[in-house]
Amino acid sequence: MSEFDYDLIIIGAGVGGHGAAIHGVGCGLKTAIIERAEVGGTCVNRGCIPSKALLAASGRVRELRDTHHLKTLGIQLGNVNFERQAIADHADNIVAKLRGDMTNSLKRLGIDVIQGWGKIAAPQKVTVDTPGGEKTFTARDIILAPGSVPFVPPGIELDHKTVFTSDDALKLEWLPQWIAIIGSGYIGLEFSDIYTALGCEITLIEALDQLMPTFDPDIAKIAQRVLISPRDVETHAGKLALKVTPGAPVIIELADAKTREVVEILEVDACLVATGRVPVSQNLGLETVGVEPDRRKFIPVNDHLAVLSEGEPVPHLWAIGDVTGKMMLAHAASAQGIAVVETICGRERQVDYRSIPAAAFTHPEISYVGLSEPAAQEMATMEGFEVGTVKTYFKGNSKAIAEGETEGLAKVIYRKDTGELLGVHIIGLHASDLIQEAANAIALGQSVHNLAFSVHTHPTLSEVLDEAYKRAMMAH
């Protein structure tokens, strides 16, 4: 018999913790997972899954109301109506189904799910505040996967009805006529897409000088033309929402981001705060093992995701997911969880972040993997090589033309000397699916010289990348 209750205890049953638990059992580890709320974490309950359901429904409404586009395909429709509550229920039902599936998969595999707030009590020891009182468990290895919550800047007051975060917005309890969205990252963009499709007007507020600061500049330019200009969206870049007061109307004090001087007062029906997320690193008992979160509240880890105390790994303690601050993406958390379990089992594995793709599920979609052009140029200066870039457009793609969806671009960034693929950025129809091919190529260290010879199905959207690889090869 082992001296521990479990081989592996995971605190947090989001996508990262769930993936680690399943892999742990697959590797023969006796595993328990601790969760205070619902299995599935942010992604399933308050993030990727419900937002994709809302985007699917609202996107269909947008498509069916685009009479000009339908006419070019020879289709005419009468009035297109929707029921807000039914769309909200669609998202709810999908969340309930997936949450149920995840919970059942844990039970089926014999993973103990312990309900309550878990924290470290001592090395290799965890206490859980359960509904039935405090319980203590020991484990040879502990993985922290507590996730993140929406960040609300100071000066913004939430009432969860007129001023709210993505957590509340996903319930779609009402459709305000005029909504201010603070933040133009992927969360802000996706909600702008949902709300404009359902007939709301949007004011997009971004503190940095340009909109969509996290996207490659060329992609942001097209996104502005396709996702913002033709829609009911007004934008304020370089502006801070200094003070937001809930009510009818919601009052927003807009200030110049540099001087912090108030330049305008907005009165809107509602305000969505989409200013990013912060890690849940409080109240985890980190101090009992001498661990201090960094100034941005992330848990410090090394390349193997071992938790660090004053720069040294704490034995048998690991952290994965949003709380590590590496890439705040569900699939990155899952990859980290699997890598940690492999390392625990003596097969050291690190996550290759450069090959992890990301996507925004707007209409059309945006996706990317690897480096942006500015980041690639920076690396080139340090390492002494030249960066090559090529662009191909959806308007020359047969499948996009047949669909009447020709807005879009693929941009490929590579090393001119070796041809190694450094980054790919796509905006256009099905960009989130197209990016996987590029992600796999980056993971394998592929060169555009080889990729140019891989055969793509004709006529498909994947030929947008095929053409880009061929152009890159011909350029040298």
Protein backbone atom coordinates (compact mmCIF):
# COMPACT_ATOMS: atom_id res chain seq x y z
CA MET A 1 0.00 0.00 0.00
CA SER A 2 1.16 3.53 -0.74
CA GLU A 3 1.90 5.85 2.17
CA PHE A 4 -0.29 8.47 0.45
CA ASP A 5 -4.08 8.60 -0.01
CA TYR A 6 -3.52 9.33 -3.71
CA ASP A 7 -0.71 9.34 -6.25
CA LEU A 8 -2.10 12.58 -7.68
CA ILE A 9 -4.44 15.27 -6.39
CA ILE A 10 -5.52 18.06 -8.73
CA ILE A 11 -7.04 21.27 -7.37
CA GLY A 12 -9.46 22.59 -10.00
CA ALA A 13 -11.61 20.63 -12.45
CA GLY A 14 -11.49 22.96 -15.43
CA VAL A 15 -10.30 21.77 -18.83
CA GLY A 16 -6.67 21.67 -17.58
CA GLY A 17 -7.40 19.74 -14.38
CA HIS A 18 -9.82 17.40 -16.17
CA GLY A 19 -7.26 16.60 -18.88
CA ALA A 20 -4.55 15.97 -16.28
CA ALA A 21 -6.83 13.69 -14.24
CA ILE A 22 -7.79 11.56 -17.24
CA HIS A 23 -4.17 11.28 -18.38
CA GLY A 24 -3.11 10.47 -14.80
CA VAL A 25 -5.52 7.55 -14.57
CA GLY A 26 -4.43 6.41 -18.03
CA CYS A 27 -0.86 6.29 -16.69
CA GLY A 28 -1.93 4.19 -13.70
CA LEU A 29 -2.00 6.92 -11.05
CA LYS A 30 -4.65 6.85 -8.31
CA THR A 31 -6.17 10.27 -8.87
CA ALA A 32 -8.54 12.69 -7.12
CA ILE A 33 -9.75 16.07 -8.32
CA ILE A 34 -11.02 18.85 -6.06
CA GLU A 35 -13.58 21.38 -7.34
CA ARG A 36 -15.59 23.94 -5.40
CA ALA A 37 -18.04 24.76 -8.23
CA GLU A 38 -18.88 22.92 -11.46
CA VAL A 39 -16.70 20.52 -13.41
CA GLY A 40 -15.54 22.15 -16.65
CA GLY A 41 -14.30 25.42 -15.17
CA THR A 42 -14.41 28.66 -17.13
CA CYS A 43 -14.23 27.15 -20.61
CA VAL A 44 -17.26 24.90 -20.33
CA ASN A 45 -19.42 26.95 -17.97
CA ARG A 46 -18.58 30.60 -18.57
CA GLY A 47 -16.29 30.78 -21.58
CA CYS A 48 -15.49 29.03 -24.83
CA ILE A 49 -18.48 26.70 -24.96
CA PRO A 50 -21.46 29.00 -24.23
CA SER A 51 -19.87 31.80 -26.26
CA LYS A 52 -19.51 29.50 -29.29
CA ALA A 53 -23.18 28.52 -28.94
CA LEU A 54 -24.23 32.19 -28.91
CA LEU A 55 -21.89 32.96 -31.82
CA ALA A 56 -23.33 30.07 -33.83
CA ALA A 57 -26.92 31.21 -33.32
CA SER A 58 -26.30 34.95 -33.77
CA GLY A 59 -24.04 34.25 -36.76
CA ARG A 60 -26.87 32.34 -38.42
CA VAL A 61 -29.19 35.31 -37.82
CA ARG A 62 -26.61 37.65 -39.41
CA GLU A 63 -26.22 35.33 -42.40
CA LEU A 64 -29.95 34.95 -42.99
CA ARG A 65 -30.52 38.69 -42.74
CA ASP A 66 -27.81 39.48 -45.26
CA THR A 67 -30.21 39.75 -48.18
CA HIS A 68 -27.54 41.06 -50.55
CA HIS A 69 -25.28 38.04 -49.94
CA LEU A 70 -28.17 35.58 -50.27
CA LYS A 71 -29.32 37.25 -53.49
CA THR A 72 -25.90 36.69 -55.07
CA LEU A 73 -26.42 32.97 -54.34
CA GLY A 74 -29.92 33.18 -55.88
CA ILE A 75 -31.76 32.85 -52.55
CA GLN A 76 -34.59 35.02 -51.23
CA LEU A 77 -35.97 34.87 -47.71
CA GLY A 78 -38.81 36.58 -45.90
CA ASN A 79 -38.38 38.12 -42.46
CA VAL A 80 -35.89 36.42 -40.17
CA ASN A 81 -36.87 36.54 -36.52
CA PHE A 82 -35.24 35.10 -33.42
CA GLU A 83 -36.16 34.51 -29.81
CA ARG A 84 -33.59 35.77 -27.33
CA GLN A 85 -34.52 33.28 -24.61
CA ALA A 86 -34.37 30.34 -27.02
CA ILE A 87 -30.83 31.36 -28.08
CA ALA A 88 -29.84 31.65 -24.39
CA ASP A 89 -31.37 28.21 -23.74
CA HIS A 90 -29.39 26.74 -26.65
CA ALA A 91 -26.15 27.86 -24.94
CA ASP A 92 -27.36 26.62 -21.56
CA ASN A 93 -28.29 23.19 -22.86
CA ILE A 94 -24.91 22.70 -24.50
CA VAL A 95 -23.12 23.71 -21.29
CA ALA A 96 -25.23 21.29 -19.25
CA LYS A 97 -24.57 18.45 -21.70
CA LEU A 98 -20.79 18.98 -21.80
CA ARG A 99 -20.53 19.45 -18.05
CA GLY A 100 -22.46 16.21 -17.58
CA ASP A 101 -20.21 14.40 -20.06
CA MET A 102 -17.06 15.59 -18.26
CA THR A 103 -18.41 14.67 -14.82
CA ASN A 104 -19.39 11.21 -16.06
CA SER A 105 -16.02 10.62 -17.70
CA LEU A 106 -14.29 11.28 -14.34
CA LYS A 107 -16.64 8.90 -12.49
CA ARG A 108 -16.39 6.24 -15.16
CA LEU A 109 -12.60 6.23 -14.89
CA GLY A 110 -12.70 5.92 -11.09
CA ILE A 111 -11.38 9.43 -10.38
CA ASP A 112 -12.60 10.72 -7.01
CA VAL A 113 -14.29 14.11 -7.35
CA ILE A 114 -14.09 15.93 -4.01
CA GLN A 115 -16.49 18.89 -3.73
CA GLY A 116 -15.14 21.94 -1.90
CA TRP A 117 -12.34 24.53 -1.76
CA GLY A 118 -8.94 22.81 -1.76
CA LYS A 119 -5.68 24.26 -0.55
CA ILE A 120 -2.18 23.14 0.37
CA ALA A 121 -1.78 22.44 4.10
CA ALA A 122 1.82 21.20 4.00
CA PRO A 123 4.12 19.51 1.46
CA GLN A 124 2.13 16.71 -0.26
CA LYS A 125 -0.93 17.49 1.85
CA VAL A 126 -4.23 19.16 0.96
CA THR A 127 -7.20 20.29 3.04
CA VAL A 128 -10.67 20.68 1.56
CA ASP A 129 -13.50 22.79 2.98
CA THR A 130 -16.35 20.44 2.07
CA PRO A 131 -20.04 20.92 2.87
CA GLY A 132 -19.51 18.27 5.58
CA GLY A 133 -16.55 20.02 7.23
CA GLU A 134 -12.79 20.09 6.64
CA LYS A 135 -11.09 17.00 5.25
CA THR A 136 -7.38 16.28 4.77
CA PHE A 137 -5.78 14.21 2.01
CA THR A 138 -2.21 13.34 1.14
CA ALA A 139 -0.78 12.81 -2.33
CA ARG A 140 2.60 12.05 -3.80
CA ASP A 141 2.08 14.84 -6.34
CA ILE A 142 -0.23 17.85 -6.34
CA ILE A 143 -1.23 19.88 -9.39
CA LEU A 144 -2.72 23.33 -8.92
CA ALA A 145 -5.22 24.20 -11.67
CA PRO A 146 -7.35 26.95 -10.09
CA GLY A 147 -7.87 28.97 -13.29
CA SER A 148 -8.77 32.64 -13.61
CA VAL A 149 -11.64 35.12 -13.26
CA PRO A 150 -12.55 38.24 -15.28
CA PHE A 151 -10.45 41.30 -14.44
CA VAL A 152 -12.38 44.40 -13.43
CA PRO A 153 -10.24 47.57 -13.42
CA PRO A 154 -10.56 49.98 -10.48
CA GLY A 155 -13.27 52.61 -10.94
CA ILE A 156 -15.68 50.15 -12.55
CA GLU A 157 -18.63 49.10 -10.43
CA LEU A 158 -20.49 45.91 -11.39
CA ASP A 159 -24.18 45.32 -10.70
CA HIS A 160 -24.20 42.17 -12.94
CA LYS A 161 -27.26 43.55 -14.77
CA THR A 162 -26.31 46.82 -16.49
CA VAL A 163 -22.55 46.59 -15.88
CA PHE A 164 -21.21 43.06 -16.17
CA THR A 165 -18.39 40.75 -17.28
CA SER A 166 -18.43 37.93 -19.82
CA ASP A 167 -19.65 35.61 -17.01
CA ASP A 168 -22.99 37.46 -16.96
CA ALA A 169 -23.11 38.33 -20.67
CA LEU A 170 -23.17 34.65 -21.61
CA LYS A 171 -26.56 34.23 -19.92
CA LEU A 172 -27.97 36.66 -22.53
CA GLU A 173 -30.67 37.77 -20.07
CA TRP A 174 -31.49 40.86 -22.15
CA LEU A 175 -30.43 42.65 -25.33
CA PRO A 176 -29.65 46.27 -24.45
CA GLN A 177 -30.13 48.72 -27.32
CA TRP A 178 -26.71 50.33 -26.81
CA ILE A 179 -23.80 48.50 -25.19
CA ALA A 180 -20.33 49.78 -24.40
CA ILE A 181 -17.66 47.06 -24.52
CA ILE A 182 -14.44 47.85 -22.67
CA GLY A 183 -11.54 45.97 -24.29
CA SER A 184 -11.01 44.94 -27.93
CA GLY A 185 -9.30 41.61 -27.37
CA TYR A 186 -10.95 38.39 -28.50
CA ILE A 187 -13.64 38.47 -25.75
CA GLY A 188 -14.70 42.01 -26.67
CA LEU A 189 -14.66 41.19 -30.38
CA GLU A 190 -16.73 38.02 -30.00
CA PHE A 191 -19.39 39.81 -27.95
CA SER A 192 -19.44 42.72 -30.39
CA ASP A 193 -20.14 40.09 -33.07
CA ILE A 194 -22.97 38.47 -31.08
CA TYR A 195 -24.64 41.74 -30.07
CA THR A 196 -24.49 43.46 -33.48
CA ALA A 197 -25.96 40.35 -35.16
CA LEU A 198 -28.89 40.54 -32.74
CA GLY A 199 -29.51 44.22 -33.45
CA CYS A 200 -27.62 46.08 -30.67
CA GLU A 201 -25.41 49.12 -31.14
CA ILE A 202 -21.86 48.93 -29.78
CA THR A 203 -19.29 51.39 -28.49
CA LEU A 204 -15.89 49.69 -28.32
CA ILE A 205 -13.41 51.24 -25.86
CA GLU A 206 -9.70 50.33 -26.00
CA ALA A 207 -7.07 51.83 -23.68
CA LEU A 208 -4.16 51.14 -26.04
CA ASP A 209 -3.58 53.32 -29.09
CA GLN A 210 -4.89 50.84 -31.58
CA LEU A 211 -7.81 48.46 -31.60
CA MET A 212 -7.17 44.71 -31.32
CA PRO A 213 -3.66 45.15 -29.88
CA THR A 214 -3.11 41.40 -29.45
CA PHE A 215 -3.53 40.61 -33.16
CA ASP A 216 -0.97 40.89 -35.95
CA PRO A 217 -1.21 44.44 -37.40
CA ASP A 218 -2.22 43.23 -40.90
CA ILE A 219 -4.99 41.06 -39.43
CA ALA A 220 -6.22 43.89 -37.19
CA LYS A 221 -6.47 46.14 -40.26
CA ILE A 222 -8.76 43.73 -42.12
CA ALA A 223 -10.71 42.94 -38.95
CA GLN A 224 -11.39 46.66 -38.56
CA ARG A 225 -12.72 46.78 -42.14
CA VAL A 226 -14.82 43.61 -41.90
CA LEU A 227 -15.88 43.26 -38.25
CA ILE A 228 -16.21 46.90 -37.21
CA SER A 229 -16.68 49.45 -40.04
CA PRO A 230 -19.76 47.91 -41.74
CA ARG A 231 -21.50 47.24 -38.40
CA ASP A 232 -23.18 49.37 -35.77
CA VAL A 233 -19.91 49.87 -33.89
CA GLU A 234 -18.26 53.13 -32.89
CA THR A 235 -14.75 52.95 -31.49
CA HIS A 236 -12.61 54.87 -29.01
CA ALA A 237 -8.92 53.89 -29.03
CA GLY A 238 -6.45 55.36 -26.54
CA LYS A 239 -9.31 55.91 -24.08
CA LEU A 240 -9.74 54.65 -20.52
CA ALA A 241 -13.08 53.95 -18.90
CA LEU A 242 -12.04 55.77 -15.74
CA LYS A 243 -15.34 55.40 -13.93
CA VAL A 244 -18.35 53.25 -14.77
CA THR A 245 -21.54 53.64 -12.75
CA PRO A 246 -24.37 51.12 -13.19
CA GLY A 247 -27.99 52.19 -13.64
CA ALA A 248 -30.37 53.39 -16.32
CA PRO A 249 -28.44 54.80 -18.07
CA VAL A 250 -24.96 53.47 -17.30
CA ILE A 251 -22.59 56.43 -17.02
CA ILE A 252 -19.04 56.04 -18.32
CA GLU A 253 -16.33 58.63 -17.79
CA LEU A 254 -13.96 58.32 -20.74
CA ALA A 255 -10.47 59.65 -20.19
CA ASP A 256 -7.39 60.06 -22.34
CA ALA A 257 -5.33 56.94 -21.58
CA LYS A 258 -2.09 58.92 -21.28
CA THR A 259 -3.16 62.02 -19.34
CA ARG A 260 -6.09 60.39 -17.51
CA GLU A 261 -8.11 63.56 -18.14
CA VAL A 262 -11.83 63.02 -18.72
CA VAL A 263 -12.66 63.83 -22.34
CA GLU A 264 -16.22 62.56 -22.68
CA ILE A 265 -19.16 61.25 -20.66
CA LEU A 266 -21.05 58.37 -22.28
CA GLU A 267 -24.57 57.33 -21.36
CA VAL A 268 -25.37 53.80 -22.53
CA ASP A 269 -27.88 51.05 -21.70
CA ALA A 270 -25.27 48.52 -20.60
CA CYS A 271 -21.54 47.99 -20.30
CA LEU A 272 -19.59 44.77 -20.79
CA VAL A 273 -16.17 44.73 -19.12
CA ALA A 274 -13.88 42.58 -21.32
CA THR A 275 -10.50 43.69 -19.96
CA GLY A 276 -8.87 40.29 -19.69
CA ARG A 277 -8.59 37.82 -16.83
CA VAL A 278 -6.67 37.48 -13.57
CA PRO A 279 -5.41 34.25 -11.96
CA VAL A 280 -7.03 32.68 -8.90
CA SER A 281 -3.92 32.42 -6.71
CA GLN A 282 -5.30 33.60 -3.37
CA ASN A 283 -6.30 31.30 -0.53
CA LEU A 284 -4.51 28.26 -1.97
CA GLY A 285 -2.18 27.78 1.02
CA LEU A 286 0.87 28.67 -1.08
CA GLU A 287 2.55 30.31 1.92
CA THR A 288 2.71 26.92 3.72
CA VAL A 289 5.31 25.80 1.15
CA GLY A 290 7.02 29.18 0.83
CA VAL A 291 5.54 30.17 -2.53
CA GLU A 292 4.80 33.79 -3.40
CA PRO A 293 2.73 34.69 -6.50
CA ASP A 294 4.46 37.25 -8.76
CA ARG A 295 3.33 40.90 -8.97
CA ARG A 296 0.64 39.99 -11.52
CA LYS A 297 -0.58 37.24 -9.14
CA PHE A 298 0.58 34.33 -11.33
CA ILE A 299 2.12 31.28 -9.66
CA PRO A 300 5.81 31.08 -10.66
CA VAL A 301 6.75 27.84 -12.45
CA ASN A 302 9.77 26.51 -14.35
CA ASP A 303 9.75 25.02 -17.87
CA HIS A 304 8.46 21.73 -16.46
CA LEU A 305 5.66 23.60 -14.63
CA ALA A 306 7.09 22.80 -11.20
CA VAL A 307 6.03 25.52 -8.74
CA LEU A 308 8.95 27.70 -7.64
CA SER A 309 9.82 29.02 -4.20
CA GLU A 310 12.54 31.69 -4.43
CA GLY A 311 13.55 30.31 -7.80
CA GLU A 312 13.82 26.67 -6.68
CA PRO A 313 11.23 23.98 -7.53
CA VAL A 314 9.01 22.82 -4.65
CA PRO A 315 9.17 19.00 -4.77
CA HIS A 316 5.98 17.28 -6.01
CA LEU A 317 4.06 20.55 -6.55
CA TRP A 318 3.00 21.66 -10.03
CA ALA A 319 0.77 24.33 -11.57
CA ILE A 320 -1.02 24.42 -14.93
CA GLY A 321 -3.46 26.58 -16.86
CA ASP A 322 -4.39 30.26 -16.56
CA VAL A 323 -2.75 30.56 -13.12
CA THR A 324 0.71 30.09 -14.70
CA GLY A 325 0.14 33.03 -17.07
CA LYS A 326 1.78 31.22 -20.01
CA MET A 327 -1.15 31.17 -22.46
CA MET A 328 -4.63 31.68 -21.08
CA LEU A 329 -6.30 29.11 -23.34
CA ALA A 330 -8.22 25.96 -22.44
CA HIS A 331 -6.23 23.75 -24.82
CA ALA A 332 -2.94 25.15 -23.50
CA ALA A 333 -4.03 24.19 -19.95
CA SER A 334 -4.88 20.70 -21.14
CA ALA A 335 -1.49 20.33 -22.87
CA GLN A 336 0.25 21.51 -19.68
CA GLY A 337 -1.67 19.00 -17.56
CA ILE A 338 -0.68 16.12 -19.82
CA ALA A 339 2.96 17.30 -19.88
CA VAL A 340 3.11 17.42 -16.06
CA VAL A 341 1.65 13.91 -15.71
CA GLU A 342 4.24 12.65 -18.22
CA THR A 343 7.04 14.32 -16.21
CA ILE A 344 5.68 12.85 -12.95
CA CYS A 345 5.80 9.40 -14.59
CA GLY A 346 9.46 9.86 -15.49
CA ARG A 347 8.95 10.83 -19.14
CA GLU A 348 9.97 14.50 -19.04
CA ARG A 349 7.87 16.67 -21.33
CA GLN A 350 7.66 20.40 -21.91
CA VAL A 351 4.95 22.34 -23.71
CA ASP A 352 5.94 24.01 -26.98
CA TYR A 353 3.95 27.24 -26.66
CA ARG A 354 4.94 28.49 -30.08
CA SER A 355 2.96 25.72 -31.74
CA ILE A 356 -0.25 26.31 -29.75
CA PRO A 357 -2.88 27.97 -31.96
CA ALA A 358 -5.57 30.42 -30.82
CA ALA A 359 -8.76 31.66 -32.44
CA ALA A 360 -11.50 34.27 -32.15
CA PHE A 361 -14.83 32.94 -33.37
CA THR A 362 -16.09 36.13 -34.96
CA HIS A 363 -17.68 36.15 -38.43
CA PRO A 364 -15.32 35.71 -40.21
CA GLU A 365 -12.98 33.97 -37.77
CA ILE A 366 -9.47 35.05 -36.78
CA SER A 367 -6.72 32.60 -35.85
CA TYR A 368 -3.00 32.56 -35.31
CA VAL A 369 -0.10 30.40 -34.22
CA GLY A 370 3.53 31.24 -33.50
CA LEU A 371 5.04 34.69 -33.69
CA SER A 372 3.52 37.94 -34.91
CA GLU A 373 5.61 39.87 -37.44
CA PRO A 374 6.95 42.39 -34.87
CA ALA A 375 7.94 39.51 -32.51
CA ALA A 376 9.63 37.63 -35.38
CA GLN A 377 11.59 40.78 -36.37
CA GLU A 378 12.76 41.15 -32.77
CA MET A 379 13.97 37.55 -32.70
CA ALA A 380 15.66 38.00 -36.09
CA THR A 381 17.62 41.00 -34.83
CA MET A 382 18.82 39.03 -31.81
CA GLU A 383 19.69 35.84 -33.70
CA GLY A 384 20.91 37.39 -36.94
CA PHE A 385 18.56 36.16 -39.66
CA GLU A 386 16.07 37.80 -42.01
CA VAL A 387 12.31 37.48 -41.76
CA GLY A 388 10.20 36.74 -44.83
CA THR A 389 6.44 37.29 -45.01
CA VAL A 390 3.89 36.42 -47.66
CA LYS A 391 0.18 37.11 -47.83
CA THR A 392 -2.55 35.31 -49.74
CA TYR A 393 -6.14 36.44 -50.00
CA PHE A 394 -9.39 34.49 -49.80
CA LYS A 395 -10.73 36.43 -52.78
CA GLY A 396 -8.58 34.27 -55.07
CA ASN A 397 -9.74 30.97 -53.47
CA SER A 398 -12.26 28.91 -55.47
CA LYS A 399 -14.12 27.58 -52.41
CA ALA A 400 -14.41 31.05 -50.84
CA ILE A 401 -15.70 32.41 -54.17
CA ALA A 402 -18.29 29.60 -54.40
CA GLU A 403 -19.46 30.38 -50.84
CA GLY A 404 -19.56 34.12 -51.59
CA GLU A 405 -17.31 34.64 -48.52
CA THR A 406 -14.18 36.15 -50.00
CA GLU A 407 -13.12 38.55 -47.23
CA GLY A 408 -9.90 37.37 -45.64
CA LEU A 409 -6.19 36.91 -45.65
CA ALA A 410 -3.54 34.40 -44.61
CA LYS A 411 -0.13 35.73 -43.63
CA VAL A 412 2.85 33.42 -43.33
CA ILE A 413 6.01 34.49 -41.47
CA TYR A 414 9.22 32.49 -41.95
CA ARG A 415 13.02 32.59 -41.81
CA LYS A 416 14.53 33.52 -45.16
CA ASP A 417 17.66 31.39 -44.59
CA THR A 418 16.17 28.03 -43.55
CA GLY A 419 12.54 28.61 -44.56
CA GLU A 420 11.43 27.60 -41.04
CA LEU A 421 7.82 28.57 -40.36
CA LEU A 422 7.67 31.12 -37.50
CA GLY A 423 4.05 32.22 -37.45
CA VAL A 424 0.78 32.11 -39.37
CA HIS A 425 -2.14 34.53 -39.02
CA ILE A 426 -5.49 34.05 -40.72
CA ILE A 427 -8.72 36.03 -40.92
CA GLY A 428 -11.47 34.51 -43.04
CA LEU A 429 -14.01 31.72 -43.35
CA HIS A 430 -13.15 28.76 -41.06
CA ALA A 431 -9.84 30.31 -39.96
CA SER A 432 -10.04 28.43 -36.64
CA ASP A 433 -9.91 25.07 -38.44
CA LEU A 434 -7.36 26.13 -41.06
CA ILE A 435 -4.76 27.15 -38.45
CA GLN A 436 -4.22 23.59 -37.22
CA GLU A 437 -2.20 22.61 -40.29
CA ALA A 438 0.18 25.50 -39.59
CA ALA A 439 0.35 24.65 -35.87
CA ASN A 440 1.39 21.09 -36.69
CA ALA A 441 4.00 22.37 -39.15
CA ILE A 442 5.49 24.71 -36.51
CA ALA A 443 5.51 21.88 -33.93
CA LEU A 444 7.54 19.77 -36.37
CA GLY A 445 9.90 22.65 -37.26
CA GLN A 446 8.84 22.47 -40.91
CA SER A 447 10.25 24.71 -43.64
CA VAL A 448 8.15 26.48 -46.27
CA HIS A 449 10.36 24.73 -48.85
CA ASN A 450 8.87 21.36 -47.79
CA LEU A 451 5.38 22.64 -47.07
CA ALA A 452 5.13 24.06 -50.60
CA PHE A 453 5.12 20.48 -51.93
CA SER A 454 2.39 19.11 -49.65
CA VAL A 455 -0.76 18.51 -51.69
CA HIS A 456 -4.02 20.16 -50.63
CA THR A 457 -7.54 19.14 -51.63
CA HIS A 458 -9.02 21.24 -54.43
CA PRO A 459 -11.25 23.20 -54.13
CA THR A 460 -10.89 23.89 -50.39
CA LEU A 461 -10.05 26.84 -48.19
CA SER A 462 -6.82 25.07 -47.17
CA GLU A 463 -5.39 26.13 -50.55
CA VAL A 464 -5.03 29.63 -49.11
CA LEU A 465 -2.11 28.23 -47.07
CA ASP A 466 -0.91 26.06 -49.95
CA GLU A 467 -0.58 29.17 -52.09
CA ALA A 468 1.20 31.07 -49.28
CA TYR A 469 3.79 28.29 -48.85
CA LYS A 470 4.38 28.19 -52.61
CA ARG A 471 4.82 31.96 -52.77
CA ALA A 472 7.29 31.85 -49.90
CA MET A 473 9.30 29.15 -51.66
CA MET A 474 9.29 31.03 -54.97
CA ALA A 475 10.43 34.23 -53.24
CA HIS A 476 13.79 32.54 -52.60
